[in-house]
Protein backbone atom coordinates (compact mmCIF):
# COMPACT_ATOMS: atom_id res chain seq x y z
CA MET A 1 9.22 -3.93 9.19
CA GLY A 2 6.98 -1.45 7.35
CA TYR A 3 7.26 -0.79 3.62
CA SER A 4 5.30 2.16 2.24
CA MET A 5 4.58 3.89 -1.01
CA LYS A 6 2.55 6.93 -2.01
CA THR A 7 0.60 7.67 -5.15
CA ASP A 8 -1.18 10.88 -6.04
CA ARG A 9 -4.15 9.57 -4.09
CA TYR A 10 -3.10 6.85 -1.61
CA ARG A 11 -0.52 5.89 0.96
CA TYR A 12 -0.10 2.14 1.17
CA THR A 13 1.93 0.22 3.76
CA GLU A 14 2.68 -3.45 4.25
CA TRP A 15 4.05 -4.67 7.59
CA ARG A 16 6.20 -7.78 7.13
CA PRO A 17 8.43 -9.90 9.38
CA ARG A 18 12.09 -8.86 9.18
CA GLY A 19 13.07 -12.13 7.53
CA GLY A 20 10.47 -11.67 4.78
CA GLY A 21 7.21 -13.43 4.17
CA ALA A 22 3.59 -12.44 3.81
CA PRO A 23 2.35 -9.15 5.25
CA VAL A 24 1.08 -9.36 8.82
CA ALA A 25 -0.81 -6.06 8.47
CA VAL A 26 -1.72 -3.63 5.68
CA GLU A 27 -2.67 0.05 5.71
CA LEU A 28 -4.37 2.09 2.99
CA TYR A 29 -5.24 5.76 3.32
CA ASP A 30 -7.06 7.87 0.73
CA HIS A 31 -5.63 11.39 0.82
CA ARG A 32 -8.55 12.82 -1.17
CA THR A 33 -11.03 11.98 1.58
CA ASP A 34 -8.74 11.51 4.60
CA PRO A 35 -5.57 13.64 4.33
CA GLN A 36 -4.79 13.10 8.03
CA GLU A 37 -4.82 9.29 7.63
CA ASN A 38 -7.37 8.58 10.33
CA VAL A 39 -9.23 5.69 8.64
CA ASN A 40 -7.45 2.59 7.38
CA LEU A 41 -9.33 1.39 4.28
CA ALA A 42 -7.24 -1.72 3.57
CA ASN A 43 -9.81 -4.25 4.80
CA LEU A 44 -12.83 -2.79 3.03
CA PRO A 45 -14.20 -5.10 0.31
CA ASP A 46 -14.50 -2.26 -2.22
CA LYS A 47 -10.77 -1.46 -1.80
CA LYS A 48 -9.58 -5.02 -2.46
CA ALA A 49 -8.54 -4.24 -6.05
CA VAL A 50 -6.69 -1.07 -4.98
CA VAL A 51 -4.80 -3.01 -2.30
CA ALA A 52 -3.88 -5.73 -4.82
CA GLU A 53 -2.62 -3.22 -7.38
CA LEU A 54 -0.60 -1.20 -4.85
CA SER A 55 0.85 -4.37 -3.34
CA LYS A 56 2.01 -5.42 -6.79
CA GLN A 57 3.57 -2.00 -7.39
CA LEU A 58 5.29 -2.09 -3.99
CA GLN A 59 6.79 -5.52 -4.72
CA THR A 60 8.04 -4.31 -8.13
CA GLY A 61 9.80 -1.39 -6.44
CA TRP A 62 11.05 1.82 -7.99
CA ARG A 63 12.72 -0.01 -10.87
CA GLY A 64 9.29 -1.14 -12.04
CA ALA A 65 8.26 2.49 -12.52
CA LEU A 66 11.10 3.28 -14.93
CA PRO A 67 10.21 3.80 -18.61
CA ARG A 68 10.90 0.74 -20.73
């Protein structure tokens, strides 16, 4: 099952088993440099921090974006 989110710059997707668990695949596309999403950046070492931050945001869900 794929779970995606978009920011102003990126689209991030985690592919997980239907029953839950760790992602089996991850996608990261930078719309500033690749608006057609041709190059998956998720496994690049210099994108590790971006993937970690977006993964955290995805797990928090939309409720995590609400003002406190």
